[in-house]
C-alpha cells in the first residue's frame, strides 16, 4: 500500500498551540489559534504488515540524498531505548511502542522512499513522520481509527520523545488546504478558511541551523505563570496578541489582499523579535533570515515576510506581489544558493 502525508506551513499562530496546553494550570491563558496551509511537499511511503519493524527513510535529493534504516524486533524491550534517541527514528519507535502496547499489533515495514518536505525547517517534518507511522499501522492492521484519534496518538508519541510540540503540527491529518486551528487545553478544532483570490508565496529554505527542541524548551520555561513584565509580554503576544493577528490575517486572506497580508507578516516578525526572541536568543536571532528579508531585491518583489514554525534560521515565507514576481523570486533565490518552494493559496472553486 502507498501512503502520503503532507507537511504544513503555519502562516500565523506559531507557538500558540502548546501555550494553550497550560490553560489547566493558568486559566487566564486564552485559546491558541493558527492559520495552517497544507503543502504539496511531504513524505511518500509504501507500507505493509511484518513480523519485525523495518523502517527506511530517504531524506534529501540527488547528491544530498541520505537513506536511514531502523531494523528491530517488534517488542517493547527493543523499542524503549530508541524512543529517547533524539533522532528521526525516535518518533517511529514511539509510535510502534504505542501500537504494540495499546492495539496488540505486530511489526510493520515502512519504506519512505521519497521525502519532498524539507526537514528541520519549521514545516512539521517530525510530526508528519509520526503521523505517517500512525496512519501506516491504522491501514495495515485495519484499526479504523478516526482522524482525531490518529492525531491524538501521534501527538502523544511525539511528546514521549522529549519534543514539546503542539497539535497544530498534525493538521496534515485533515484533508483541507487552508485551516483555522483553535486550541483549547488539549483539544483542537479545525475549520476551513475560504478565500476569493490566489495569493502567491515563496517558501525559502535558509540552509541554516536551529534546534526546535531547545527553542520549545526555552519558551515553555516561561509557562504557566509569568514572573515579570517581559514574560507577561510573551504571554500576551502568544495569547491575545496572537488572536488579533489571526483575525486580521483571515480578513486579508478572504479578500485576497496580498498587500495587507505581506505587511502583516512583516509586522508580526518585528513583534516576534521583540517579545519572543530574547527568551531563546541563540536559536532565534535568525541572522540568515533577517539578511534575506533586508535584501533590496526581496523587498522589491514582495509585500513582506516572516519566519516559519518555531522560527530561527530554518525557513522564511515571503508574499510575492504577483505570480510573475513569485517566479522571478524562485529563480533569484536558487541563483543565490537557497532552497525554495512555490507555495500558492489557491482560489476557492
C-alpha atoms as a PDB file:
ATOM      1  CA  UNK A   1       0.000   0.000   0.000  1.00  0.00           C
ATOM      2  CA  UNK A   2       1.080   3.544  -0.695  1.00  0.00           C
ATOM      3  CA  UNK A   3       0.800   6.436   1.723  1.00  0.00           C
ATOM      4  CA  UNK A   4       1.460  10.184   1.542  1.00  0.00           C
ATOM      5  CA  UNK A   5       1.441  12.700   4.390  1.00  0.00           C
ATOM      6  CA  UNK A   6       1.922  16.387   3.512  1.00  0.00           C
ATOM      7  CA  UNK A   7       3.803  18.961   5.503  1.00  0.00           C
ATOM      8  CA  UNK A   8       2.156  22.108   6.732  1.00  0.00           C
ATOM      9  CA  UNK A   9       3.049  25.777   6.645  1.00  0.00           C
ATOM     10  CA  UNK A  10       1.930  27.887   9.589  1.00  0.00           C
ATOM     11  CA  UNK A  11       1.138  31.336   8.194  1.00  0.00           C
ATOM     12  CA  UNK A  12       0.363  32.810  11.630  1.00  0.00           C
ATOM     13  CA  UNK A  13      -0.066  31.490  15.163  1.00  0.00           C
ATOM     14  CA  UNK A  14       3.155  29.549  15.775  1.00  0.00           C
ATOM     15  CA  UNK A  15       3.726  28.560  19.430  1.00  0.00           C
ATOM     16  CA  UNK A  16       0.128  29.348  20.438  1.00  0.00           C
ATOM     17  CA  UNK A  17      -0.805  25.658  20.277  1.00  0.00           C
ATOM     18  CA  UNK A  18       1.492  24.386  23.020  1.00  0.00           C
ATOM     19  CA  UNK A  19       0.949  27.585  25.056  1.00  0.00           C
ATOM     20  CA  UNK A  20      -2.763  26.785  25.303  1.00  0.00           C
ATOM     21  CA  UNK A  21      -1.913  23.428  26.926  1.00  0.00           C
ATOM     22  CA  UNK A  22      -1.128  25.383  30.110  1.00  0.00           C
ATOM     23  CA  UNK A  23      -4.737  26.590  30.472  1.00  0.00           C
ATOM     24  CA  UNK A  24      -5.450  23.927  33.075  1.00  0.00           C
ATOM     25  CA  UNK A  25      -2.808  25.462  35.336  1.00  0.00           C
ATOM     26  CA  UNK A  26      -3.441  29.099  34.411  1.00  0.00           C
ATOM     27  CA  UNK A  27      -6.998  29.918  33.357  1.00  0.00           C
ATOM     28  CA  UNK A  28      -6.008  33.380  32.140  1.00  0.00           C
ATOM     29  CA  UNK A  29      -4.207  31.856  29.152  1.00  0.00           C
ATOM     30  CA  UNK A  30      -6.508  32.296  26.118  1.00  0.00           C
ATOM     31  CA  UNK A  31      -7.165  29.750  23.408  1.00  0.00           C
ATOM     32  CA  UNK A  32      -4.449  29.360  20.832  1.00  0.00           C
ATOM     33  CA  UNK A  33      -5.166  29.940  17.159  1.00  0.00           C
ATOM     34  CA  UNK A  34      -3.193  29.347  13.974  1.00  0.00           C
ATOM     35  CA  UNK A  35      -3.672  29.550  10.217  1.00  0.00           C
ATOM     36  CA  UNK A  36      -2.271  26.457   8.543  1.00  0.00           C
ATOM     37  CA  UNK A  37      -1.726  25.786   4.842  1.00  0.00           C
ATOM     38  CA  UNK A  38      -1.199  22.165   3.769  1.00  0.00           C
ATOM     39  CA  UNK A  39       1.654  21.689   1.322  1.00  0.00           C
ATOM     40  CA  UNK A  40       2.194  19.658  -1.816  1.00  0.00           C
ATOM     41  CA  UNK A  41       5.544  18.686  -0.317  1.00  0.00           C
ATOM     42  CA  UNK A  42       5.507  15.774   2.074  1.00  0.00           C
ATOM     43  CA  UNK A  43       6.515  12.193   2.858  1.00  0.00           C
ATOM     44  CA  UNK A  44       5.853   9.311   0.448  1.00  0.00           C
ATOM     45  CA  UNK A  45       5.979   5.698   1.593  1.00  0.00           C
ATOM     46  CA  UNK A  46       4.965   2.142   0.817  1.00  0.00           C
ATOM     47  CA  UNK A  47       3.760   0.098   3.785  1.00  0.00           C
ATOM     48  CA  UNK A  48       2.971  -3.497   4.677  1.00  0.00           C
ATOM     49  CA  UNK A  49       2.490  -5.754   7.693  1.00  0.00           C
ATOM     50  CA  UNK A  50       5.596  -7.526   9.027  1.00  0.00           C
ATOM     51  CA  UNK A  51       6.714  -9.720  11.925  1.00  0.00           C
ATOM     52  CA  UNK A  52       9.516  -7.236  12.693  1.00  0.00           C
ATOM     53  CA  UNK A  53       9.963  -3.487  12.391  1.00  0.00           C
ATOM     54  CA  UNK A  54      11.689  -2.343   9.210  1.00  0.00           C
ATOM     55  CA  UNK A  55      11.667   1.392   8.530  1.00  0.00           C
ATOM     56  CA  UNK A  56      13.651   3.091   5.787  1.00  0.00           C
ATOM     57  CA  UNK A  57      13.676   6.862   5.395  1.00  0.00           C
ATOM     58  CA  UNK A  58      15.091   8.814   2.459  1.00  0.00           C
ATOM     59  CA  UNK A  59      15.981  12.446   3.127  1.00  0.00           C
ATOM     60  CA  UNK A  60      17.216  14.930   0.539  1.00  0.00           C
ATOM     61  CA  UNK A  61      17.608  14.836  -3.204  1.00  0.00           C
ATOM     62  CA  UNK A  62      20.295  13.796  -5.695  1.00  0.00           C
ATOM     63  CA  UNK A  63      23.845  14.128  -4.304  1.00  0.00           C
ATOM     64  CA  UNK A  64      22.479  15.180  -0.906  1.00  0.00           C
ATOM     65  CA  UNK A  65      20.284  12.091  -0.668  1.00  0.00           C
ATOM     66  CA  UNK A  66      20.668  10.151   2.582  1.00  0.00           C
ATOM     67  CA  UNK A  67      18.992   6.861   3.489  1.00  0.00           C
ATOM     68  CA  UNK A  68      18.411   5.825   7.107  1.00  0.00           C
ATOM     69  CA  UNK A  69      17.415   2.384   8.361  1.00  0.00           C
ATOM     70  CA  UNK A  70      15.723   1.096  11.500  1.00  0.00           C
ATOM     71  CA  UNK A  71      15.511  -2.657  11.993  1.00  0.00           C
ATOM     72  CA  UNK A  72      14.491  -4.229  15.276  1.00  0.00           C
ATOM     73  CA  UNK A  73      12.226  -6.802  16.857  1.00  0.00           C
ATOM     74  CA  UNK A  74       8.570  -5.863  17.287  1.00  0.00           C
ATOM     75  CA  UNK A  75       8.633  -5.895  21.078  1.00  0.00           C
ATOM     76  CA  UNK A  76       8.661  -3.263  23.795  1.00  0.00           C
ATOM     77  CA  UNK A  77      12.141  -4.007  25.143  1.00  0.00           C
ATOM     78  CA  UNK A  78      13.706  -3.429  21.716  1.00  0.00           C
ATOM     79  CA  UNK A  79      11.813  -0.179  21.140  1.00  0.00           C
ATOM     80  CA  UNK A  80      12.083   1.510  24.542  1.00  0.00           C
ATOM     81  CA  UNK A  81      15.766   2.582  24.256  1.00  0.00           C
ATOM     82  CA  UNK A  82      15.061   4.100  20.829  1.00  0.00           C
ATOM     83  CA  UNK A  83      12.284   6.460  21.948  1.00  0.00           C
ATOM     84  CA  UNK A  84      14.646   8.984  23.546  1.00  0.00           C
ATOM     85  CA  UNK A  85      17.416   8.651  20.953  1.00  0.00           C
ATOM     86  CA  UNK A  86      16.787  12.220  19.679  1.00  0.00           C
ATOM     87  CA  UNK A  87      16.756  11.301  16.008  1.00  0.00           C
ATOM     88  CA  UNK A  88      14.167  10.749  13.290  1.00  0.00           C
ATOM     89  CA  UNK A  89      13.506   7.162  14.311  1.00  0.00           C
ATOM     90  CA  UNK A  90      12.707   8.103  17.899  1.00  0.00           C
ATOM     91  CA  UNK A  91       9.314   9.230  16.569  1.00  0.00           C
ATOM     92  CA  UNK A  92       8.787   5.974  14.717  1.00  0.00           C
ATOM     93  CA  UNK A  93       9.891   3.895  17.729  1.00  0.00           C
ATOM     94  CA  UNK A  94       7.469   5.774  19.968  1.00  0.00           C
ATOM     95  CA  UNK A  95       4.545   5.087  17.607  1.00  0.00           C
ATOM     96  CA  UNK A  96       5.469   1.407  17.219  1.00  0.00           C
ATOM     97  CA  UNK A  97       5.735   1.041  21.002  1.00  0.00           C
ATOM     98  CA  UNK A  98       2.304   2.650  21.460  1.00  0.00           C
ATOM     99  CA  UNK A  99       0.621   0.488  18.840  1.00  0.00           C
ATOM    100  CA  UNK A 100       2.033  -2.750  20.196  1.00  0.00           C
ATOM    101  CA  UNK A 101       1.037  -1.739  23.736  1.00  0.00           C
ATOM    102  CA  UNK A 102      -2.484  -0.479  23.069  1.00  0.00           C
ATOM    103  CA  UNK A 103      -3.616  -2.395  19.994  1.00  0.00           C
ATOM    104  CA  UNK A 104      -1.672  -5.649  20.293  1.00  0.00           C
ATOM    105  CA  UNK A 105      -0.208  -5.209  16.815  1.00  0.00           C
ATOM    106  CA  UNK A 106       2.919  -6.798  15.428  1.00  0.00           C
ATOM    107  CA  UNK A 107       5.613  -5.288  13.276  1.00  0.00           C
ATOM    108  CA  UNK A 108       5.488  -3.127  10.191  1.00  0.00           C
ATOM    109  CA  UNK A 109       7.516  -2.239   7.116  1.00  0.00           C
ATOM    110  CA  UNK A 110       7.574   1.418   6.123  1.00  0.00           C
ATOM    111  CA  UNK A 111       9.653   2.343   3.085  1.00  0.00           C
ATOM    112  CA  UNK A 112       9.817   6.129   2.963  1.00  0.00           C
ATOM    113  CA  UNK A 113      11.376   6.206  -0.500  1.00  0.00           C
ATOM    114  CA  UNK A 114      10.845   9.905  -1.206  1.00  0.00           C
ATOM    115  CA  UNK A 115      10.705  12.978   1.020  1.00  0.00           C
ATOM    116  CA  UNK A 116       9.960  16.249  -0.744  1.00  0.00           C
ATOM    117  CA  UNK A 117       9.432  18.058   2.556  1.00  0.00           C
ATOM    118  CA  UNK A 118      12.492  19.879   3.965  1.00  0.00           C
ATOM    119  CA  UNK A 119      13.373  18.643   7.468  1.00  0.00           C
ATOM    120  CA  UNK A 120      14.086  20.867  10.469  1.00  0.00           C
ATOM    121  CA  UNK A 121      12.717  23.891   8.619  1.00  0.00           C
ATOM    122  CA  UNK A 122       9.559  24.604  10.623  1.00  0.00           C
ATOM    123  CA  UNK A 123       7.268  22.590   8.332  1.00  0.00           C
ATOM    124  CA  UNK A 124       6.342  19.883  10.862  1.00  0.00           C
ATOM    125  CA  UNK A 125       8.538  17.212   9.280  1.00  0.00           C
ATOM    126  CA  UNK A 126       8.819  15.242  12.530  1.00  0.00           C
ATOM    127  CA  UNK A 127       5.060  15.429  13.148  1.00  0.00           C
ATOM    128  CA  UNK A 128       4.399  14.341   9.567  1.00  0.00           C
ATOM    129  CA  UNK A 129       6.694  11.360  10.068  1.00  0.00           C
ATOM    130  CA  UNK A 130       4.961  10.444  13.345  1.00  0.00           C
ATOM    131  CA  UNK A 131       1.586  10.750  11.649  1.00  0.00           C
ATOM    132  CA  UNK A 132       2.844   8.647   8.734  1.00  0.00           C
ATOM    133  CA  UNK A 133       3.676   5.831  11.155  1.00  0.00           C
ATOM    134  CA  UNK A 134       0.278   6.053  12.869  1.00  0.00           C
ATOM    135  CA  UNK A 135      -1.545   6.040   9.536  1.00  0.00           C
ATOM    136  CA  UNK A 136       0.554   3.078   8.378  1.00  0.00           C
ATOM    137  CA  UNK A 137      -0.470   0.989  11.404  1.00  0.00           C
ATOM    138  CA  UNK A 138      -4.065   2.083  11.018  1.00  0.00           C
ATOM    139  CA  UNK A 139      -4.115   0.923   7.400  1.00  0.00           C
ATOM    140  CA  UNK A 140      -2.233  -2.377   7.539  1.00  0.00           C
ATOM    141  CA  UNK A 141      -3.927  -3.571  10.760  1.00  0.00           C
ATOM    142  CA  UNK A 142      -7.405  -2.215   9.858  1.00  0.00           C
ATOM    143  CA  UNK A 143      -7.714  -0.353  13.171  1.00  0.00           C
ATOM    144  CA  UNK A 144     -10.399   2.049  11.874  1.00  0.00           C
ATOM    145  CA  UNK A 145      -9.039   4.941  13.909  1.00  0.00           C
ATOM    146  CA  UNK A 146     -10.725   8.304  13.458  1.00  0.00           C
ATOM    147  CA  UNK A 147      -8.643  11.235  12.261  1.00  0.00           C
ATOM    148  CA  UNK A 148      -8.932  12.792  15.704  1.00  0.00           C
ATOM    149  CA  UNK A 149      -7.636   9.599  17.328  1.00  0.00           C
ATOM    150  CA  UNK A 150      -4.730   9.401  14.878  1.00  0.00           C
ATOM    151  CA  UNK A 151      -3.763  12.991  15.721  1.00  0.00           C
ATOM    152  CA  UNK A 152      -4.038  12.259  19.442  1.00  0.00           C
ATOM    153  CA  UNK A 153      -1.778   9.187  19.174  1.00  0.00           C
ATOM    154  CA  UNK A 154       0.842  10.918  17.005  1.00  0.00           C
ATOM    155  CA  UNK A 155       0.887  13.915  19.345  1.00  0.00           C
ATOM    156  CA  UNK A 156       1.216  11.729  22.447  1.00  0.00           C
ATOM    157  CA  UNK A 157       4.005   9.674  20.883  1.00  0.00           C
ATOM    158  CA  UNK A 158       5.996  12.734  19.856  1.00  0.00           C
ATOM    159  CA  UNK A 159       5.782  14.128  23.392  1.00  0.00           C
ATOM    160  CA  UNK A 160       7.268  10.860  24.679  1.00  0.00           C
ATOM    161  CA  UNK A 161      10.418  11.522  22.627  1.00  0.00           C
ATOM    162  CA  UNK A 162      11.038  14.747  24.556  1.00  0.00           C
ATOM    163  CA  UNK A 163       9.718  17.089  21.864  1.00  0.00           C
ATOM    164  CA  UNK A 164       7.425  19.806  23.273  1.00  0.00           C
ATOM    165  CA  UNK A 165       5.374  20.155  20.109  1.00  0.00           C
ATOM    166  CA  UNK A 166       1.782  21.318  19.771  1.00  0.00           C
ATOM    167  CA  UNK A 167      -1.164  19.738  17.985  1.00  0.00           C
ATOM    168  CA  UNK A 168      -1.001  22.275  15.144  1.00  0.00           C
ATOM    169  CA  UNK A 169       1.866  20.223  13.725  1.00  0.00           C
ATOM    170  CA  UNK A 170      -0.587  17.422  12.971  1.00  0.00           C
ATOM    171  CA  UNK A 171      -3.002  19.469  10.835  1.00  0.00           C
ATOM    172  CA  UNK A 172      -1.826  17.460   7.835  1.00  0.00           C
ATOM    173  CA  UNK A 173      -4.122  14.651   9.009  1.00  0.00           C
ATOM    174  CA  UNK A 174      -7.061  16.712   7.732  1.00  0.00           C
ATOM    175  CA  UNK A 175      -7.952  16.956   4.067  1.00  0.00           C
ATOM    176  CA  UNK A 176      -8.420  20.733   3.859  1.00  0.00           C
ATOM    177  CA  UNK A 177      -5.975  23.080   2.098  1.00  0.00           C
ATOM    178  CA  UNK A 178      -6.295  26.094   4.404  1.00  0.00           C
ATOM    179  CA  UNK A 179      -7.340  25.784   8.033  1.00  0.00           C
ATOM    180  CA  UNK A 180      -8.035  27.882  11.082  1.00  0.00           C
ATOM    181  CA  UNK A 181      -6.978  25.759  14.026  1.00  0.00           C
ATOM    182  CA  UNK A 182      -8.174  26.569  17.524  1.00  0.00           C
ATOM    183  CA  UNK A 183      -6.524  25.109  20.621  1.00  0.00           C
ATOM    184  CA  UNK A 184      -8.227  24.838  23.999  1.00  0.00           C
ATOM    185  CA  UNK A 185      -6.381  22.833  26.637  1.00  0.00           C
ATOM    186  CA  UNK A 186      -5.657  19.521  24.914  1.00  0.00           C
ATOM    187  CA  UNK A 187      -8.476  19.918  22.395  1.00  0.00           C
ATOM    188  CA  UNK A 188      -8.032  21.149  18.842  1.00  0.00           C
ATOM    189  CA  UNK A 189     -10.632  22.047  16.226  1.00  0.00           C
ATOM    190  CA  UNK A 190     -10.204  22.821  12.553  1.00  0.00           C
ATOM    191  CA  UNK A 191     -12.328  24.971  10.251  1.00  0.00           C
ATOM    192  CA  UNK A 192     -11.858  25.776   6.592  1.00  0.00           C
ATOM    193  CA  UNK A 193     -10.891  29.297   5.539  1.00  0.00           C
ATOM    194  CA  UNK A 194     -12.453  30.326   2.236  1.00  0.00           C
ATOM    195  CA  UNK A 195     -10.714  32.871   0.024  1.00  0.00           C
ATOM    196  CA  UNK A 196     -11.618  34.694  -3.168  1.00  0.00           C
ATOM    197  CA  UNK A 197      -8.270  35.295  -4.881  1.00  0.00           C
ATOM    198  CA  UNK A 198      -4.950  33.453  -5.142  1.00  0.00           C
ATOM    199  CA  UNK A 199      -2.034  34.661  -3.046  1.00  0.00           C
ATOM    200  CA  UNK A 200       1.474  33.796  -4.198  1.00  0.00           C
ATOM    201  CA  UNK A 201       4.106  32.846  -1.645  1.00  0.00           C
ATOM    202  CA  UNK A 202       7.674  31.637  -1.734  1.00  0.00           C
ATOM    203  CA  UNK A 203       8.998  29.370   0.980  1.00  0.00           C
ATOM    204  CA  UNK A 204      12.766  29.715   1.394  1.00  0.00           C
ATOM    205  CA  UNK A 205      14.992  27.100   2.970  1.00  0.00           C
ATOM    206  CA  UNK A 206      17.682  29.266   4.562  1.00  0.00           C
ATOM    207  CA  UNK A 207      20.098  26.332   4.737  1.00  0.00           C
ATOM    208  CA  UNK A 208      20.877  27.389   8.277  1.00  0.00           C
ATOM    209  CA  UNK A 209      20.642  25.621  11.597  1.00  0.00           C
ATOM    210  CA  UNK A 210      18.240  25.683  14.501  1.00  0.00           C
ATOM    211  CA  UNK A 211      17.262  23.370  17.305  1.00  0.00           C
ATOM    212  CA  UNK A 212      13.496  23.272  17.694  1.00  0.00           C
ATOM    213  CA  UNK A 213      13.675  21.242  20.902  1.00  0.00           C
ATOM    214  CA  UNK A 214      15.874  23.919  22.527  1.00  0.00           C
ATOM    215  CA  UNK A 215      13.536  26.694  21.369  1.00  0.00           C
ATOM    216  CA  UNK A 216      10.473  24.920  22.738  1.00  0.00           C
ATOM    217  CA  UNK A 217      12.229  24.105  25.995  1.00  0.00           C
ATOM    218  CA  UNK A 218      13.276  27.739  26.470  1.00  0.00           C
ATOM    219  CA  UNK A 219       9.827  29.158  25.732  1.00  0.00           C
ATOM    220  CA  UNK A 220       7.978  26.529  27.770  1.00  0.00           C
ATOM    221  CA  UNK A 221      10.056  27.595  30.781  1.00  0.00           C
ATOM    222  CA  UNK A 222       8.095  30.877  30.828  1.00  0.00           C
ATOM    223  CA  UNK A 223       4.811  28.984  31.407  1.00  0.00           C
ATOM    224  CA  UNK A 224       2.348  28.621  33.039  1.00  0.00           C
ATOM    225  CA  UNK A 225       2.811  31.838  35.062  1.00  0.00           C
ATOM    226  CA  UNK A 226       4.814  34.913  34.001  1.00  0.00           C
ATOM    227  CA  UNK A 227       7.168  36.257  36.667  1.00  0.00           C
ATOM    228  CA  UNK A 228       7.970  39.715  35.263  1.00  0.00           C
ATOM    229  CA  UNK A 229       6.870  42.202  32.604  1.00  0.00           C
ATOM    230  CA  UNK A 230       8.922  40.626  29.814  1.00  0.00           C
ATOM    231  CA  UNK A 231       7.321  37.271  30.499  1.00  0.00           C
ATOM    232  CA  UNK A 232       3.876  38.924  30.622  1.00  0.00           C
ATOM    233  CA  UNK A 233       4.592  40.427  27.195  1.00  0.00           C
ATOM    234  CA  UNK A 234       5.460  36.990  25.830  1.00  0.00           C
ATOM    235  CA  UNK A 235       2.222  35.554  27.215  1.00  0.00           C
ATOM    236  CA  UNK A 236       0.274  38.412  25.609  1.00  0.00           C
ATOM    237  CA  UNK A 237       1.969  38.000  22.216  1.00  0.00           C
ATOM    238  CA  UNK A 238       1.285  34.251  22.091  1.00  0.00           C
ATOM    239  CA  UNK A 239      -2.216  34.737  23.531  1.00  0.00           C
ATOM    240  CA  UNK A 240      -4.493  37.726  22.977  1.00  0.00           C
ATOM    241  CA  UNK A 241      -1.990  39.423  20.692  1.00  0.00           C
ATOM    242  CA  UNK A 242      -1.894  36.337  18.503  1.00  0.00           C
ATOM    243  CA  UNK A 243      -5.680  36.273  18.266  1.00  0.00           C
ATOM    244  CA  UNK A 244      -5.637  39.846  16.909  1.00  0.00           C
ATOM    245  CA  UNK A 245      -3.094  38.881  14.250  1.00  0.00           C
ATOM    246  CA  UNK A 246      -5.187  35.841  13.291  1.00  0.00           C
ATOM    247  CA  UNK A 247      -8.342  37.935  12.943  1.00  0.00           C
ATOM    248  CA  UNK A 248      -6.612  40.393  10.612  1.00  0.00           C
ATOM    249  CA  UNK A 249      -4.922  37.651   8.591  1.00  0.00           C
ATOM    250  CA  UNK A 250      -8.208  35.807   7.961  1.00  0.00           C
ATOM    251  CA  UNK A 251      -9.804  39.060   6.812  1.00  0.00           C
ATOM    252  CA  UNK A 252      -6.993  39.718   4.326  1.00  0.00           C
ATOM    253  CA  UNK A 253      -6.895  36.115   3.059  1.00  0.00           C
ATOM    254  CA  UNK A 254     -10.666  36.041   2.462  1.00  0.00           C
ATOM    255  CA  UNK A 255     -10.399  39.219   0.399  1.00  0.00           C
ATOM    256  CA  UNK A 256      -7.262  38.063  -1.382  1.00  0.00           C
ATOM    257  CA  UNK A 257      -5.457  41.163  -0.112  1.00  0.00           C
ATOM    258  CA  UNK A 258      -1.822  40.117  -0.601  1.00  0.00           C
ATOM    259  CA  UNK A 259      -0.523  43.622   0.138  1.00  0.00           C
ATOM    260  CA  UNK A 260      -2.050  43.740   3.613  1.00  0.00           C
ATOM    261  CA  UNK A 261      -1.150  40.103   4.317  1.00  0.00           C
ATOM    262  CA  UNK A 262       2.524  40.661   3.470  1.00  0.00           C
ATOM    263  CA  UNK A 263       2.663  43.812   5.558  1.00  0.00           C
ATOM    264  CA  UNK A 264       1.035  41.947   8.436  1.00  0.00           C
ATOM    265  CA  UNK A 265       3.712  39.245   8.227  1.00  0.00           C
ATOM    266  CA  UNK A 266       6.469  41.846   8.440  1.00  0.00           C
ATOM    267  CA  UNK A 267       4.801  43.484  11.431  1.00  0.00           C
ATOM    268  CA  UNK A 268       4.428  40.097  13.108  1.00  0.00           C
ATOM    269  CA  UNK A 269       8.122  39.343  12.608  1.00  0.00           C
ATOM    270  CA  UNK A 270       9.089  42.614  14.288  1.00  0.00           C
ATOM    271  CA  UNK A 271       6.891  41.792  17.267  1.00  0.00           C
ATOM    272  CA  UNK A 272       8.290  38.254  17.391  1.00  0.00           C
ATOM    273  CA  UNK A 273      11.822  39.655  17.527  1.00  0.00           C
ATOM    274  CA  UNK A 274      10.781  41.982  20.334  1.00  0.00           C
ATOM    275  CA  UNK A 275       8.746  39.676  22.531  1.00  0.00           C
ATOM    276  CA  UNK A 276       9.893  36.087  21.798  1.00  0.00           C
ATOM    277  CA  UNK A 277      13.489  36.089  20.566  1.00  0.00           C
ATOM    278  CA  UNK A 278      15.075  37.221  23.877  1.00  0.00           C
ATOM    279  CA  UNK A 279      13.946  34.003  25.594  1.00  0.00           C
ATOM    280  CA  UNK A 280      15.958  31.780  23.228  1.00  0.00           C
ATOM    281  CA  UNK A 281      18.325  34.292  21.667  1.00  0.00           C
ATOM    282  CA  UNK A 282      20.994  31.915  20.369  1.00  0.00           C
ATOM    283  CA  UNK A 283      18.378  29.963  18.419  1.00  0.00           C
ATOM    284  CA  UNK A 284      16.091  32.845  17.420  1.00  0.00           C
ATOM    285  CA  UNK A 285      18.365  35.739  16.479  1.00  0.00           C
ATOM    286  CA  UNK A 286      17.971  34.403  12.916  1.00  0.00           C
ATOM    287  CA  UNK A 287      20.884  36.145  11.209  1.00  0.00           C
ATOM    288  CA  UNK A 288      20.273  34.482   7.845  1.00  0.00           C
ATOM    289  CA  UNK A 289      16.553  35.219   7.882  1.00  0.00           C
ATOM    290  CA  UNK A 290      16.973  38.905   8.657  1.00  0.00           C
ATOM    291  CA  UNK A 291      19.651  39.274   5.995  1.00  0.00           C
ATOM    292  CA  UNK A 292      17.295  37.806   3.416  1.00  0.00           C
ATOM    293  CA  UNK A 293      14.345  39.977   4.468  1.00  0.00           C
ATOM    294  CA  UNK A 294      16.570  43.076   4.140  1.00  0.00           C
ATOM    295  CA  UNK A 295      17.725  42.157   0.616  1.00  0.00           C
ATOM    296  CA  UNK A 296      16.670  45.032  -1.750  1.00  0.00           C
ATOM    297  CA  UNK A 297      15.536  42.567  -4.442  1.00  0.00           C
ATOM    298  CA  UNK A 298      13.389  40.664  -1.951  1.00  0.00           C
ATOM    299  CA  UNK A 299      11.860  43.938  -0.760  1.00  0.00           C
ATOM    300  CA  UNK A 300      11.150  44.990  -4.360  1.00  0.00           C
ATOM    301  CA  UNK A 301       9.332  41.794  -5.355  1.00  0.00           C
ATOM    302  CA  UNK A 302       7.415  41.072  -2.135  1.00  0.00           C
ATOM    303  CA  UNK A 303       4.908  42.695   0.182  1.00  0.00           C
ATOM    304  CA  UNK A 304       6.592  41.248   3.266  1.00  0.00           C
ATOM    305  CA  UNK A 305       7.512  38.051   5.037  1.00  0.00           C
ATOM    306  CA  UNK A 306       8.202  36.297   8.320  1.00  0.00           C
ATOM    307  CA  UNK A 307       9.784  33.269   9.912  1.00  0.00           C
ATOM    308  CA  UNK A 308       8.266  29.816   9.831  1.00  0.00           C
ATOM    309  CA  UNK A 309       7.336  27.367  12.567  1.00  0.00           C
ATOM    310  CA  UNK A 310       9.380  27.752  15.727  1.00  0.00           C
ATOM    311  CA  UNK A 311      11.402  30.381  13.793  1.00  0.00           C
ATOM    312  CA  UNK A 312      15.185  30.577  13.749  1.00  0.00           C
ATOM    313  CA  UNK A 313      17.288  30.116  10.627  1.00  0.00           C
ATOM    314  CA  UNK A 314      15.162  27.311   9.239  1.00  0.00           C
ATOM    315  CA  UNK A 315      12.770  28.802   6.701  1.00  0.00           C
ATOM    316  CA  UNK A 316      11.135  32.101   5.807  1.00  0.00           C
ATOM    317  CA  UNK A 317       7.877  32.743   3.971  1.00  0.00           C
ATOM    318  CA  UNK A 318       7.501  35.625   1.534  1.00  0.00           C
ATOM    319  CA  UNK A 319       4.347  37.109  -0.017  1.00  0.00           C
ATOM    320  CA  UNK A 320       5.145  37.819  -3.675  1.00  0.00           C
ATOM    321  CA  UNK A 321       3.467  40.751  -5.414  1.00  0.00           C
ATOM    322  CA  UNK A 322       2.196  38.584  -8.283  1.00  0.00           C
ATOM    323  CA  UNK A 323       2.619  35.231  -9.999  1.00  0.00           C
ATOM    324  CA  UNK A 324       5.367  36.653 -12.216  1.00  0.00           C
ATOM    325  CA  UNK A 325       7.141  38.077  -9.170  1.00  0.00           C
ATOM    326  CA  UNK A 326       6.866  34.696  -7.474  1.00  0.00           C
ATOM    327  CA  UNK A 327       8.507  33.015 -10.449  1.00  0.00           C
ATOM    328  CA  UNK A 328      11.296  35.600 -10.576  1.00  0.00           C
ATOM    329  CA  UNK A 329      11.948  35.190  -6.858  1.00  0.00           C
ATOM    330  CA  UNK A 330      12.261  31.431  -7.251  1.00  0.00           C
ATOM    331  CA  UNK A 331      14.959  31.908  -9.889  1.00  0.00           C
ATOM    332  CA  UNK A 332      16.710  34.642  -7.918  1.00  0.00           C
ATOM    333  CA  UNK A 333      16.827  32.632  -4.717  1.00  0.00           C
ATOM    334  CA  UNK A 334      18.083  29.491  -6.441  1.00  0.00           C
ATOM    335  CA  UNK A 335      20.832  31.622  -8.004  1.00  0.00           C
ATOM    336  CA  UNK A 336      21.812  32.759  -4.502  1.00  0.00           C
ATOM    337  CA  UNK A 337      22.045  29.131  -3.425  1.00  0.00           C
ATOM    338  CA  UNK A 338      18.891  28.860  -1.331  1.00  0.00           C
ATOM    339  CA  UNK A 339      16.398  26.049  -1.456  1.00  0.00           C
ATOM    340  CA  UNK A 340      12.976  27.426  -2.304  1.00  0.00           C
ATOM    341  CA  UNK A 341       9.437  26.249  -2.979  1.00  0.00           C
ATOM    342  CA  UNK A 342       6.466  27.648  -4.839  1.00  0.00           C
ATOM    343  CA  UNK A 343       3.503  27.923  -2.469  1.00  0.00           C
ATOM    344  CA  UNK A 344       0.154  29.308  -3.587  1.00  0.00           C
ATOM    345  CA  UNK A 345      -3.007  29.900  -1.595  1.00  0.00           C
ATOM    346  CA  UNK A 346      -5.282  28.861  -4.439  1.00  0.00           C
ATOM    347  CA  UNK A 347      -8.622  30.448  -5.169  1.00  0.00           C
ATOM    348  CA  UNK A 348     -11.593  28.503  -3.807  1.00  0.00           C
ATOM    349  CA  UNK A 349     -13.524  26.754  -6.566  1.00  0.00           C
END
